[in-house]
Amino acid sequence: MNAAAVIAFLLITSAYLEFELKDLLLAESTRDLETRARMARELLGGSDGDMQANVLRAAEVSGTRVTVITRDGAVRADSEAMAADMDDHGSRPEVSQALKTGYGSAIRFSGTRGAEFLYVAIADTDKPETDVIRVAMPMRQLSRRLEVVQDSIYITVGVLLIVGLALSFVLSRYVVRPIEVMRAAAGEFARGNLDVKVEMARRDELGELVGAFNSMGRELQNRVGQLEANRREISTIMDNMSEGLLLVDATGNVVLANKAAAQLLNAGDDSMEGHALWESVRLPEVDELLGSLPKLTEPRRIWVEDRTHGAQRRVLAFVATPLFDTAGGEQHAVILISDATEDQKLLEMRQDFVANVSHELKTPLTSISAYVETLLDGAADDESVREPFLRKIQANTSRLSKLVSDILNLSRLESDVGEESRQHLDLNELARDCVSKHREGADEKGVTVTLHPTDKPAVALVNEEDMLEALDNLVVNAISYTQAGGSVEVRVKRSETGLVLEVADTGSGIPQDALTRVFERFYRVDKARSRALGGTGLGLAIVKHVAIKHGGSVKAESEVGKGSTFRITLPASKG
């Protein structure tokens, strides 16, 4: 391409020079002819005699064709033709111009000589009586001079062309080619290929430029690698967050979302990014939160109950930060999403627990207060009234003591207290102690209690006090809800997964709709009967927590009118 540019430049230059030199040569020849014409006029003006002879002498001296023309256009004499044979010359361009201004020139074809001539005519405007003197030169003489000039131009252009091509090759080899290589490498950089390196063993300025270019490439590669590592690290952190994270703009469009956010909002496989948040979350509370973003000055938290994706209750917690300016001049906000269903359940459980405890405490305290007030008002002196009231006060006090004891035990079981006091115990011995403890009470009610131990020791790592209390609760409940003549069986079994403590009775049974709730705190199938039997409503909740704390589980099976079976499953001891 450089060679083509050089050739084009030289061709244009040579054409321009040829055109300019032709004009210059023509102008020079015209001035020369004017000088010769004046010379011929001086020769003709100072001579007498034959006009034709004088014209021939003037032509010889001036070296041109000389013609003498009268003011009216008639040819008086011509150095190369007979005047009588020549027509009127008054209309010739050079003659008519000379008659007007004293000087005229023209290039035209001569009919007399049959060739193209350059004509110059002069006339003395101050002496109207004088003739017009015209001289002429064949254009072939100018062409020969022009050919000599053109040959010089062509030779010069040829030399310049050779020199230009050589310089173009040198320029391409040592300057342009390295720049092209660097341009191609820069194009690879722009396409993301940062491994490109320009190899060039030069010590001049281009070599320094190549070195700087390679250094820039290495630095750019290091920085891009670091940015990519940071991006992967941030992406990994976001994808492994249990909380959902959303980056939204001021209008509520999602700019960035992690996997947890898509899962919590049930967005499926569709990307949330680039879409409005309301397309994934159809909750009025969230819309109101997005609308409040421009006004927020501190983070805002809301809890939303979501029932849009099924009947199962789910509570989501949204925490939104105030809008902040990004590097691009836009405003964004961060929204954290977490599943607060369990937190909400715990909160409601605490509230229910407090309400139930208050109610359970209030009833016996009210009774005690009423009995005490009655006794203080004078009933204490009446033996028939005093003793029953005192027994009722004693019963309510025992109930309060049992309630407080169960509440404290339940609180302790929910904490980690007691794990350090576990020991390897044979569940057969534990069950035997429990049965012996309650046999007398069962006999008084007419209920038979039977123990079915295992053939070999069933050793488990347990807290003896907790496990005995759990078994006591099951046995007491079984005896309490079994009518006279019924039976209660306590069994110790082995299973594929561990050991089993089982208490089965032939009592009144539990309705199927209540089986899933019997382990809830303060839940009673028959509230009136439970209170009459002295139950606090916490016994089975304690059983459940004891089993869970020991790495096991508890299950209830029952059929109304036929009895119930409660089963505690525990892992076997490895000691």
Protein backbone atom coordinates (compact mmCIF):
# COMPACT_ATOMS: atom_id res chain seq x y z
CA MET A 1 0.00 0.00 0.00
CA ASN A 2 2.92 2.35 0.74
CA ALA A 3 4.38 1.63 -2.73
CA ALA A 4 1.06 2.41 -4.37
CA ALA A 5 0.91 5.69 -2.49
CA VAL A 6 4.43 6.58 -3.64
CA ILE A 7 3.63 5.75 -7.30
CA ALA A 8 0.38 7.70 -7.21
CA PHE A 9 2.15 10.68 -5.67
CA LEU A 10 4.90 10.66 -8.29
CA LEU A 11 2.46 10.29 -11.20
CA ILE A 12 0.37 13.19 -9.96
CA THR A 13 3.50 15.24 -9.37
CA SER A 14 4.89 14.51 -12.84
CA ALA A 15 1.59 15.38 -14.52
CA TYR A 16 1.42 18.61 -12.56
CA LEU A 17 5.01 19.51 -13.41
CA GLU A 18 4.45 18.73 -17.08
CA PHE A 19 1.37 20.93 -17.18
CA GLU A 20 3.08 23.77 -15.33
CA LEU A 21 6.28 23.55 -17.42
CA LYS A 22 4.24 23.54 -20.64
CA ASP A 23 2.49 26.72 -19.57
CA LEU A 24 5.81 28.21 -18.46
CA LEU A 25 7.49 27.28 -21.76
CA LEU A 26 4.58 28.74 -23.75
CA ALA A 27 4.67 31.97 -21.75
CA GLU A 28 8.45 32.19 -22.19
CA SER A 29 8.15 31.56 -25.93
CA THR A 30 5.43 34.17 -26.24
CA ARG A 31 7.61 36.78 -24.48
CA ASP A 32 10.53 35.80 -26.73
CA LEU A 33 8.39 36.24 -29.85
CA GLU A 34 7.25 39.65 -28.59
CA THR A 35 10.89 40.69 -28.27
CA ARG A 36 11.63 39.38 -31.77
CA ALA A 37 8.57 41.23 -33.13
CA ARG A 38 9.83 44.53 -31.68
CA MET A 39 13.26 43.79 -33.13
CA ALA A 40 11.68 43.18 -36.55
CA ARG A 41 9.69 46.43 -36.30
CA GLU A 42 12.86 48.41 -35.58
CA LEU A 43 14.61 46.79 -38.55
CA LEU A 44 11.68 47.52 -40.86
CA GLY A 45 11.18 51.05 -39.58
CA GLY A 46 14.77 52.11 -40.28
CA SER A 47 15.10 50.72 -43.82
CA ASP A 48 13.96 51.98 -47.21
CA GLY A 49 13.43 50.28 -50.55
CA ASP A 50 11.80 46.99 -51.34
CA MET A 51 9.41 45.91 -48.47
CA GLN A 52 9.70 42.23 -49.35
CA ALA A 53 13.49 42.34 -49.15
CA ASN A 54 13.34 44.15 -45.83
CA VAL A 55 10.89 41.56 -44.43
CA LEU A 56 13.23 38.74 -45.48
CA ARG A 57 16.17 40.44 -43.78
CA ALA A 58 14.10 41.05 -40.61
CA ALA A 59 13.02 37.39 -40.61
CA GLU A 60 16.60 36.26 -40.94
CA VAL A 61 17.77 38.51 -38.10
CA SER A 62 14.86 37.62 -35.78
CA GLY A 63 14.86 33.96 -36.71
CA THR A 64 11.08 33.92 -37.17
CA ARG A 65 8.45 34.25 -39.84
CA VAL A 66 7.66 37.97 -40.24
CA THR A 67 4.43 39.38 -41.72
CA VAL A 68 3.61 43.08 -42.29
CA ILE A 69 -0.13 43.82 -42.17
CA THR A 70 -1.85 47.14 -42.81
CA ARG A 71 -4.39 48.61 -40.43
CA ASP A 72 -7.21 47.53 -42.68
CA GLY A 73 -6.00 43.88 -42.65
CA ALA A 74 -4.19 43.65 -46.00
CA VAL A 75 -0.86 41.78 -46.05
CA ARG A 76 1.91 44.00 -47.37
CA ALA A 77 4.69 41.42 -47.14
CA ASP A 78 5.46 37.98 -45.63
CA SER A 79 8.84 36.29 -45.25
CA GLU A 80 7.54 32.84 -46.22
CA ALA A 81 4.64 33.55 -48.62
CA MET A 82 3.54 35.87 -51.40
CA ALA A 83 1.50 38.77 -50.06
CA ALA A 84 -0.75 38.75 -53.10
CA ASP A 85 -1.76 35.15 -52.41
CA MET A 86 -2.69 35.82 -48.81
CA ASP A 87 -6.22 36.83 -47.78
CA ASP A 88 -7.32 39.53 -45.40
CA HIS A 89 -5.71 39.17 -41.93
CA GLY A 90 -7.71 41.80 -40.07
CA SER A 91 -9.86 39.17 -38.43
CA ARG A 92 -6.95 37.14 -37.09
CA PRO A 93 -7.17 37.01 -33.24
CA GLU A 94 -3.65 38.23 -32.67
CA VAL A 95 -4.06 41.07 -35.23
CA SER A 96 -7.42 42.30 -33.95
CA GLN A 97 -6.12 42.22 -30.37
CA ALA A 98 -2.94 44.15 -31.36
CA LEU A 99 -5.03 46.79 -33.09
CA LYS A 100 -6.94 47.32 -29.86
CA THR A 101 -4.23 47.06 -27.20
CA GLY A 102 -0.96 47.15 -29.14
CA TYR A 103 -0.21 43.48 -28.43
CA GLY A 104 -1.86 40.17 -29.32
CA SER A 105 -0.98 36.45 -29.34
CA ALA A 106 -2.64 33.24 -30.48
CA ILE A 107 -1.97 29.59 -31.25
CA ARG A 108 -3.76 28.34 -34.32
CA PHE A 109 -3.43 26.39 -37.51
CA SER A 110 -1.94 28.23 -40.51
CA GLY A 111 -3.71 27.52 -43.78
CA THR A 112 -0.82 29.02 -45.73
CA ARG A 113 1.86 26.76 -44.23
CA GLY A 114 -0.36 23.84 -43.25
CA ALA A 115 0.97 23.69 -39.64
CA GLU A 116 0.22 25.00 -36.17
CA PHE A 117 1.99 28.24 -35.23
CA LEU A 118 2.41 30.51 -32.24
CA TYR A 119 1.63 34.08 -33.41
CA VAL A 120 2.56 37.39 -31.73
CA ALA A 121 1.46 40.72 -33.24
CA ILE A 122 2.37 44.26 -32.15
CA ALA A 123 1.09 47.66 -33.23
CA ASP A 124 1.95 51.21 -32.26
CA THR A 125 -1.30 52.61 -30.85
CA ASP A 126 0.19 56.11 -30.80
CA LYS A 127 0.88 56.04 -34.57
CA PRO A 128 -2.21 54.94 -36.41
CA GLU A 129 -0.44 55.21 -39.76
CA THR A 130 2.04 52.40 -38.95
CA ASP A 131 1.56 48.78 -39.94
CA VAL A 132 1.04 45.75 -37.67
CA ILE A 133 4.12 43.57 -37.35
CA ARG A 134 3.46 39.88 -36.75
CA VAL A 135 6.01 37.16 -36.08
CA ALA A 136 5.32 33.40 -35.88
CA MET A 137 7.07 30.26 -34.68
CA PRO A 138 6.04 26.67 -35.53
CA MET A 139 4.64 24.81 -32.54
CA ARG A 140 6.84 21.83 -33.41
CA GLN A 141 9.80 23.82 -32.16
CA LEU A 142 8.04 24.26 -28.81
CA SER A 143 7.11 20.57 -28.83
CA ARG A 144 10.74 19.59 -29.23
CA ARG A 145 11.74 21.80 -26.32
CA LEU A 146 8.83 20.38 -24.29
CA GLU A 147 9.91 16.83 -25.12
CA VAL A 148 13.36 17.59 -23.75
CA VAL A 149 11.79 18.90 -20.54
CA GLN A 150 9.42 15.90 -20.37
CA ASP A 151 12.32 13.49 -20.73
CA SER A 152 14.02 15.22 -17.84
CA ILE A 153 10.84 15.00 -15.77
CA TYR A 154 10.40 11.30 -16.58
CA ILE A 155 13.97 10.52 -15.69
CA THR A 156 13.63 12.46 -12.46
CA VAL A 157 10.31 10.77 -11.66
CA GLY A 158 11.82 7.35 -12.39
CA VAL A 159 14.70 8.03 -10.05
CA LEU A 160 12.34 9.36 -7.42
CA LEU A 161 10.11 6.32 -7.91
CA ILE A 162 12.98 3.94 -7.28
CA VAL A 163 14.09 5.94 -4.27
CA GLY A 164 10.50 6.20 -3.03
CA LEU A 165 9.90 2.46 -3.36
CA ALA A 166 13.12 1.78 -1.53
CA LEU A 167 12.14 4.21 1.22
CA SER A 168 8.64 2.69 1.31
CA PHE A 169 10.12 -0.78 1.76
CA VAL A 170 12.39 0.48 4.52
CA LEU A 171 9.50 2.33 6.14
CA SER A 172 7.27 -0.74 5.91
CA ARG A 173 10.00 -3.05 7.17
CA TYR A 174 11.23 -0.99 10.08
CA VAL A 175 8.36 1.33 10.99
CA VAL A 176 4.98 0.45 9.55
CA ARG A 177 5.22 -3.33 9.98
CA PRO A 178 5.95 -3.15 13.73
CA ILE A 179 3.08 -0.72 14.14
CA GLU A 180 0.79 -3.12 12.26
CA VAL A 181 1.91 -5.95 14.54
CA MET A 182 1.18 -3.82 17.60
CA ARG A 183 -2.19 -2.81 16.16
CA ALA A 184 -3.10 -6.47 15.66
CA ALA A 185 -2.00 -7.23 19.23
CA ALA A 186 -4.11 -4.34 20.51
CA GLY A 187 -7.06 -5.80 18.59
CA GLU A 188 -6.52 -9.13 20.36
CA PHE A 189 -6.45 -7.26 23.68
CA ALA A 190 -9.77 -5.64 22.79
CA ARG A 191 -11.26 -9.10 22.09
CA GLY A 192 -10.15 -10.35 25.51
CA ASN A 193 -7.04 -12.31 24.48
CA LEU A 194 -4.52 -10.98 26.98
CA ASP A 195 -1.88 -13.67 26.31
CA VAL A 196 -0.64 -11.90 23.17
CA LYS A 197 2.99 -10.75 23.27
CA VAL A 198 4.79 -8.73 20.60
CA GLU A 199 8.24 -10.17 19.79
CA MET A 200 10.65 -7.56 18.38
CA ALA A 201 14.43 -7.36 18.94
CA ARG A 202 14.99 -3.64 18.47
CA ARG A 203 16.66 -1.04 20.63
CA ASP A 204 15.26 2.11 19.08
CA GLU A 205 12.15 4.04 20.03
CA LEU A 206 9.88 1.38 18.50
CA GLY A 207 11.64 -1.27 20.57
CA GLU A 208 10.98 0.77 23.71
CA LEU A 209 7.35 1.18 22.61
CA VAL A 210 7.01 -2.59 22.11
CA GLY A 211 8.50 -3.20 25.55
CA ALA A 212 6.07 -0.76 27.12
CA PHE A 213 3.23 -2.42 25.19
CA ASN A 214 4.16 -5.88 26.49
CA SER A 215 4.48 -4.53 30.03
CA MET A 216 1.05 -2.97 29.70
CA GLY A 217 -0.31 -6.33 28.51
CA ARG A 218 1.15 -8.16 31.51
CA GLU A 219 -0.15 -5.58 33.92
CA LEU A 220 -3.56 -5.64 32.27
CA GLN A 221 -3.60 -9.45 32.44
CA ASN A 222 -2.69 -9.34 36.14
CA ARG A 223 -5.39 -6.80 36.89
CA VAL A 224 -8.04 -8.62 34.86
CA GLY A 225 -7.05 -11.88 36.58
CA GLN A 226 -7.34 -10.24 39.97
CA LEU A 227 -10.72 -8.75 39.06
CA GLU A 228 -11.90 -12.12 37.77
CA ALA A 229 -10.73 -13.82 40.98
CA ASN A 230 -12.54 -11.19 43.04
CA ARG A 231 -15.64 -11.64 40.91
CA ARG A 232 -15.57 -15.41 41.36
CA GLU A 233 -15.02 -15.03 45.08
CA ILE A 234 -17.93 -12.60 45.42
CA SER A 235 -20.09 -14.82 43.20
CA THR A 236 -19.23 -17.88 45.32
CA ILE A 237 -20.01 -16.00 48.52
CA MET A 238 -23.33 -14.78 47.14
CA ASP A 239 -24.32 -18.21 45.79
CA ASN A 240 -23.54 -19.87 49.13
CA MET A 241 -25.38 -17.34 51.25
CA SER A 242 -28.39 -18.75 53.05
CA GLU A 243 -30.06 -15.35 52.85
CA GLY A 244 -31.34 -13.98 49.57
CA LEU A 245 -29.59 -10.87 48.25
CA LEU A 246 -31.07 -8.46 45.73
CA LEU A 247 -29.56 -5.32 44.22
CA VAL A 248 -32.36 -3.11 42.87
CA ASP A 249 -32.45 0.32 41.27
CA ALA A 250 -34.62 3.22 42.34
CA THR A 251 -37.53 1.98 40.20
CA GLY A 252 -37.53 -1.54 41.68
CA ASN A 253 -35.82 -3.33 38.79
CA VAL A 254 -33.51 -6.18 39.84
CA VAL A 255 -29.86 -5.52 38.93
CA LEU A 256 -28.35 -8.53 40.71
CA ALA A 257 -29.81 -11.59 42.47
CA ASN A 258 -28.22 -14.65 44.10
CA LYS A 259 -29.53 -18.22 44.07
CA ALA A 260 -30.99 -18.01 47.57
CA ALA A 261 -33.15 -15.03 46.53
CA ALA A 262 -34.53 -16.93 43.53
CA GLN A 263 -35.30 -19.95 45.72
CA LEU A 264 -36.94 -17.95 48.51
CA LEU A 265 -39.07 -16.03 46.02
CA ASN A 266 -39.84 -19.18 43.98
CA ALA A 267 -38.53 -17.51 40.83
CA GLY A 268 -37.62 -20.90 39.31
CA ASP A 269 -34.97 -21.09 36.60
CA ASP A 270 -35.89 -17.70 35.10
CA SER A 271 -33.35 -15.00 35.77
CA MET A 272 -34.68 -12.18 37.91
CA GLU A 273 -32.02 -9.76 36.70
CA GLY A 274 -33.29 -7.11 34.32
CA HIS A 275 -36.90 -7.54 35.45
CA ALA A 276 -39.06 -5.64 37.91
CA LEU A 277 -39.20 -7.24 41.37
CA TRP A 278 -43.01 -7.22 41.34
CA GLU A 279 -42.90 -9.79 38.51
CA SER A 280 -41.52 -12.33 41.01
CA VAL A 281 -43.05 -11.03 44.25
CA ARG A 282 -46.78 -10.25 44.15
CA LEU A 283 -47.00 -8.96 47.72
CA PRO A 284 -48.40 -5.49 48.58
CA GLU A 285 -45.98 -5.11 51.52
CA VAL A 286 -42.97 -5.55 49.20
CA ASP A 287 -44.40 -3.02 46.72
CA GLU A 288 -44.80 -0.55 49.57
CA LEU A 289 -41.21 -1.24 50.68
CA LEU A 290 -39.89 -0.53 47.17
CA GLY A 291 -41.90 2.69 47.04
CA SER A 292 -40.34 3.85 50.30
CA LEU A 293 -36.71 3.37 49.13
CA PRO A 294 -36.15 7.03 48.10
CA LYS A 295 -37.27 8.17 51.57
CA LEU A 296 -35.23 5.71 53.65
CA THR A 297 -32.45 7.11 55.82
CA GLU A 298 -31.70 3.84 57.64
CA PRO A 299 -32.33 0.13 56.94
CA ARG A 300 -35.96 -0.96 57.15
CA ARG A 301 -37.19 -4.46 58.06
CA ILE A 302 -40.59 -5.97 57.32
CA TRP A 303 -42.09 -9.43 57.84
CA VAL A 304 -44.41 -10.70 55.13
CA GLU A 305 -46.61 -13.78 55.24
CA ASP A 306 -46.42 -15.41 51.82
CA ARG A 307 -49.25 -17.69 50.72
CA THR A 308 -48.94 -17.03 46.99
CA HIS A 309 -47.11 -20.28 46.23
CA GLY A 310 -49.19 -22.88 48.06
CA ALA A 311 -51.27 -23.41 51.15
CA GLN A 312 -48.30 -23.93 53.45
CA ARG A 313 -47.66 -20.91 55.59
CA ARG A 314 -44.37 -19.14 55.04
CA VAL A 315 -43.01 -15.92 56.53
CA LEU A 316 -40.30 -13.93 54.73
CA ALA A 317 -38.22 -11.15 56.27
CA PHE A 318 -37.12 -8.29 53.97
CA VAL A 319 -34.40 -5.80 55.01
CA ALA A 320 -33.88 -2.85 52.64
CA THR A 321 -31.04 -0.34 52.79
CA PRO A 322 -31.35 3.32 51.74
CA LEU A 323 -30.44 4.15 48.14
CA PHE A 324 -26.75 4.77 47.46
CA ASP A 325 -24.92 6.20 44.43
CA THR A 326 -22.94 3.81 42.23
CA ALA A 327 -19.81 4.60 40.19
CA GLY A 328 -22.01 4.95 37.10
CA GLY A 329 -24.11 7.66 38.72
CA GLU A 330 -27.15 5.41 39.28
CA GLN A 331 -28.92 4.81 42.58
CA HIS A 332 -29.18 1.28 43.94
CA ALA A 333 -30.38 -0.38 47.14
CA VAL A 334 -29.65 -3.76 48.73
CA ILE A 335 -32.51 -6.00 49.87
CA LEU A 336 -31.79 -9.03 52.09
CA ILE A 337 -34.38 -11.82 52.21
CA SER A 338 -34.56 -14.61 54.78
CA ASP A 339 -37.05 -17.32 55.70
CA ALA A 340 -38.46 -16.18 59.05
CA THR A 341 -41.09 -18.91 59.28
CA GLU A 342 -39.40 -20.68 62.19
CA ASP A 343 -38.63 -17.37 63.90
CA GLN A 344 -42.28 -16.41 63.58
CA LYS A 345 -43.34 -19.79 64.94
CA LEU A 346 -40.98 -19.43 67.89
CA LEU A 347 -42.30 -15.94 68.54
CA GLU A 348 -45.88 -17.18 68.45
CA MET A 349 -44.93 -20.13 70.63
CA ARG A 350 -43.40 -17.81 73.19
CA GLN A 351 -46.49 -15.63 73.12
CA ASP A 352 -48.75 -18.67 73.47
CA PHE A 353 -46.52 -20.05 76.21
CA VAL A 354 -46.67 -16.82 78.20
CA ALA A 355 -50.46 -16.66 77.73
CA ASN A 356 -50.90 -20.31 78.72
CA VAL A 357 -48.58 -20.03 81.74
CA SER A 358 -50.44 -16.91 82.86
CA HIS A 359 -53.73 -18.73 82.50
CA GLU A 360 -52.50 -21.90 84.22
CA LEU A 361 -51.06 -19.90 87.11
CA LYS A 362 -54.04 -17.61 87.40
CA THR A 363 -56.59 -20.41 87.90
CA PRO A 364 -55.05 -22.05 91.02
CA LEU A 365 -53.94 -18.69 92.43
CA THR A 366 -57.48 -17.37 92.08
CA SER A 367 -58.82 -20.45 93.83
CA ILE A 368 -56.26 -20.19 96.64
CA SER A 369 -57.02 -16.48 97.05
CA ALA A 370 -60.75 -17.14 97.23
CA TYR A 371 -60.37 -19.92 99.81
CA VAL A 372 -58.01 -17.82 101.95
CA GLU A 373 -60.38 -14.83 101.86
CA THR A 374 -63.26 -17.10 102.89
CA LEU A 375 -61.27 -18.53 105.77
CA LEU A 376 -60.17 -15.05 106.87
CA ASP A 377 -63.76 -13.84 106.83
CA GLY A 378 -64.63 -16.29 109.63
CA ALA A 379 -64.90 -19.67 107.97
CA ALA A 380 -61.66 -20.72 109.67
CA ASP A 381 -63.65 -21.24 112.90
CA ASP A 382 -65.99 -23.69 111.21
CA GLU A 383 -64.38 -27.16 111.29
CA SER A 384 -66.60 -28.48 108.49
CA VAL A 385 -65.47 -25.68 106.17
CA ARG A 386 -61.86 -25.16 107.26
CA GLU A 387 -60.54 -28.64 106.51
CA PRO A 388 -61.98 -28.97 102.96
CA PHE A 389 -60.76 -25.46 102.07
CA LEU A 390 -57.29 -26.19 103.38
CA ARG A 391 -57.16 -29.41 101.36
CA LYS A 392 -58.21 -27.49 98.25
CA ILE A 393 -55.53 -24.87 98.98
CA GLN A 394 -53.02 -27.70 99.38
CA ALA A 395 -54.12 -29.28 96.08
CA ASN A 396 -53.83 -26.01 94.19
CA THR A 397 -50.46 -25.35 95.80
CA SER A 398 -49.25 -28.77 94.68
CA ARG A 399 -50.58 -28.06 91.21
CA LEU A 400 -48.70 -24.73 91.16
CA SER A 401 -45.54 -26.45 92.39
CA LYS A 402 -45.90 -29.14 89.70
CA LEU A 403 -46.53 -26.49 87.03
CA VAL A 404 -43.50 -24.43 88.02
CA SER A 405 -41.37 -27.59 88.21
CA ASP A 406 -42.48 -28.65 84.71
CA ILE A 407 -41.84 -25.18 83.32
CA LEU A 408 -38.32 -25.15 84.79
CA ASN A 409 -37.62 -28.66 83.47
CA LEU A 410 -38.87 -27.72 80.00
CA SER A 411 -36.71 -24.59 80.02
CA ARG A 412 -33.69 -26.64 81.09
CA LEU A 413 -34.29 -29.25 78.39
CA GLU A 414 -34.44 -26.56 75.71
CA SER A 415 -30.96 -25.43 76.77
CA ASP A 416 -27.76 -27.49 76.70
CA VAL A 417 -27.67 -28.01 80.44
CA GLY A 418 -27.47 -31.65 81.55
CA GLU A 419 -25.49 -33.20 78.70
CA GLU A 420 -22.39 -33.48 80.89
CA SER A 421 -24.27 -35.64 83.42
CA ARG A 422 -25.17 -38.44 81.01
CA GLN A 423 -24.13 -42.00 81.76
CA HIS A 424 -24.50 -45.47 80.34
CA LEU A 425 -27.68 -46.95 81.82
CA ASP A 426 -29.65 -50.13 81.24
CA LEU A 427 -33.12 -49.03 80.15
CA ASN A 428 -34.51 -52.22 81.70
CA GLU A 429 -33.46 -51.01 85.15
CA LEU A 430 -34.82 -47.55 84.45
CA ALA A 431 -38.19 -49.00 83.41
CA ARG A 432 -38.24 -51.36 86.38
CA ASP A 433 -37.72 -48.45 88.80
CA CYS A 434 -40.49 -46.47 87.13
CA VAL A 435 -42.96 -49.37 87.25
CA SER A 436 -42.16 -50.07 90.90
CA LYS A 437 -42.69 -46.38 91.69
CA HIS A 438 -46.20 -46.27 90.22
CA ARG A 439 -47.42 -49.85 90.86
CA GLU A 440 -49.11 -48.96 94.16
CA GLY A 441 -51.10 -46.13 92.63
CA ALA A 442 -52.11 -48.32 89.70
CA ASP A 443 -53.26 -51.10 92.03
CA GLU A 444 -55.40 -48.65 93.99
CA LYS A 445 -57.13 -47.64 90.73
CA GLY A 446 -57.46 -51.25 89.61
CA VAL A 447 -55.05 -50.93 86.66
CA THR A 448 -52.49 -53.64 85.97
CA VAL A 449 -48.94 -52.42 85.14
CA THR A 450 -46.65 -54.95 83.44
CA LEU A 451 -42.97 -54.64 82.48
CA HIS A 452 -41.55 -56.41 79.41
CA PRO A 453 -37.72 -56.09 79.53
CA THR A 454 -35.22 -57.29 76.93
CA ASP A 455 -33.29 -60.52 77.36
CA LYS A 456 -29.98 -58.70 77.40
CA PRO A 457 -29.10 -55.27 78.86
CA ALA A 458 -30.33 -52.37 76.72
CA VAL A 459 -27.63 -49.78 77.46
CA ALA A 460 -28.05 -46.16 76.33
CA LEU A 461 -26.13 -42.97 77.10
CA VAL A 462 -28.77 -40.91 78.92
CA ASN A 463 -29.36 -38.42 81.68
CA GLU A 464 -31.03 -40.62 84.27
CA GLU A 465 -33.14 -37.87 85.82
CA ASP A 466 -34.47 -36.63 82.47
CA MET A 467 -35.19 -40.06 81.07
CA LEU A 468 -36.89 -41.20 84.29
CA GLU A 469 -39.09 -38.08 84.25
CA ALA A 470 -40.08 -38.72 80.63
CA LEU A 471 -40.97 -42.34 81.39
CA ASP A 472 -42.82 -41.26 84.57
CA ASN A 473 -44.96 -38.86 82.54
CA LEU A 474 -45.90 -41.57 80.05
CA VAL A 475 -46.71 -44.12 82.76
CA VAL A 476 -48.68 -41.60 84.86
CA ASN A 477 -50.71 -40.53 81.82
CA ALA A 478 -51.37 -44.15 80.87
CA ILE A 479 -52.60 -45.01 84.39
CA SER A 480 -54.62 -41.80 84.66
CA TYR A 481 -56.52 -42.32 81.39
CA THR A 482 -57.09 -46.06 81.83
CA GLN A 483 -60.28 -47.21 83.57
CA ALA A 484 -60.33 -49.80 86.36
CA GLY A 485 -59.73 -53.28 85.03
CA GLY A 486 -57.52 -51.97 82.25
CA SER A 487 -53.82 -52.54 81.79
CA VAL A 488 -50.62 -50.61 81.14
CA GLU A 489 -47.61 -52.32 79.56
CA VAL A 490 -44.08 -50.92 79.68
CA ARG A 491 -41.80 -52.50 77.09
CA VAL A 492 -38.07 -52.18 76.40
CA LYS A 493 -37.21 -53.24 72.84
CA ARG A 494 -34.40 -53.29 70.35
CA SER A 495 -34.84 -51.96 66.83
CA GLU A 496 -32.70 -51.66 63.73
CA THR A 497 -31.90 -48.05 64.61
CA GLY A 498 -31.42 -48.38 68.40
CA LEU A 499 -33.50 -48.90 71.54
CA VAL A 500 -37.20 -48.32 72.20
CA LEU A 501 -39.13 -47.45 75.38
CA GLU A 502 -42.80 -48.17 74.82
CA VAL A 503 -45.81 -47.48 77.08
CA ALA A 504 -49.13 -48.93 75.92
CA ASP A 505 -52.50 -48.70 77.68
CA THR A 506 -56.07 -49.82 77.14
CA GLY A 507 -57.51 -46.45 78.08
CA SER A 508 -59.92 -44.08 76.36
CA GLY A 509 -57.59 -43.30 73.46
CA ILE A 510 -56.87 -40.11 71.53
CA PRO A 511 -58.74 -38.84 68.44
CA GLN A 512 -56.69 -38.92 65.23
CA ASP A 513 -56.92 -35.16 64.72
CA ALA A 514 -55.35 -34.60 68.14
CA LEU A 515 -52.40 -37.03 67.74
CA THR A 516 -50.28 -34.47 65.91
CA ARG A 517 -50.74 -31.90 68.70
CA VAL A 518 -50.49 -33.93 71.91
CA PHE A 519 -46.79 -33.03 72.26
CA GLU A 520 -47.51 -29.26 72.14
CA ARG A 521 -47.21 -27.29 75.35
CA PHE A 522 -50.43 -26.96 77.32
CA TYR A 523 -52.40 -28.93 74.74
CA ARG A 524 -55.04 -31.12 76.29
CA VAL A 525 -57.41 -33.50 74.52
CA ASP A 526 -59.93 -33.22 77.37
CA LYS A 527 -59.13 -30.02 79.28
CA ALA A 528 -61.61 -30.54 82.09
CA ARG A 529 -60.52 -34.12 82.77
CA SER A 530 -56.84 -33.23 82.51
CA ARG A 531 -57.11 -30.53 85.14
CA ALA A 532 -59.18 -32.82 87.33
CA LEU A 533 -56.38 -35.38 87.17
CA GLY A 534 -53.82 -32.75 88.10
CA GLY A 535 -52.15 -32.49 84.70
CA THR A 536 -50.22 -29.36 83.74
CA GLY A 537 -50.36 -29.89 79.99
CA LEU A 538 -46.54 -29.98 79.82
CA GLY A 539 -45.84 -33.66 80.44
CA LEU A 540 -45.79 -34.84 76.83
CA ALA A 541 -43.89 -31.70 75.76
CA ILE A 542 -41.21 -32.70 78.29
CA VAL A 543 -41.19 -36.25 76.88
CA LYS A 544 -40.65 -34.89 73.37
CA HIS A 545 -37.77 -32.61 74.42
CA VAL A 546 -36.08 -35.39 76.41
CA ALA A 547 -36.19 -37.70 73.37
CA ILE A 548 -34.88 -35.00 71.00
CA LYS A 549 -32.12 -33.98 73.42
CA HIS A 550 -30.91 -37.59 73.52
CA GLY A 551 -30.81 -37.82 69.73
CA GLY A 552 -34.04 -39.76 69.50
CA SER A 553 -37.71 -39.21 68.73
CA VAL A 554 -41.17 -39.85 70.16
CA LYS A 555 -44.30 -41.12 68.43
CA ALA A 556 -47.90 -41.66 69.49
CA GLU A 557 -50.43 -44.18 68.14
CA SER A 558 -53.99 -44.38 69.37
CA GLU A 559 -57.50 -45.50 68.64
CA VAL A 560 -60.45 -44.03 70.51
CA GLY A 561 -61.89 -46.54 72.97
CA LYS A 562 -59.04 -49.04 72.56
CA GLY A 563 -56.05 -47.27 74.07
CA SER A 564 -52.83 -45.51 73.15
CA THR A 565 -49.17 -46.38 72.62
CA PHE A 566 -46.32 -43.91 73.14
CA ARG A 567 -42.90 -44.91 71.83
CA ILE A 568 -39.52 -43.26 72.63
CA THR A 569 -36.74 -44.28 70.22
CA LEU A 570 -33.12 -43.78 71.39
CA PRO A 571 -29.75 -44.54 69.84
CA ALA A 572 -27.95 -47.51 71.42
CA SER A 573 -24.82 -46.80 73.43
CA LYS A 574 -21.47 -47.36 71.67
CA GLY A 575 -19.54 -47.46 74.91
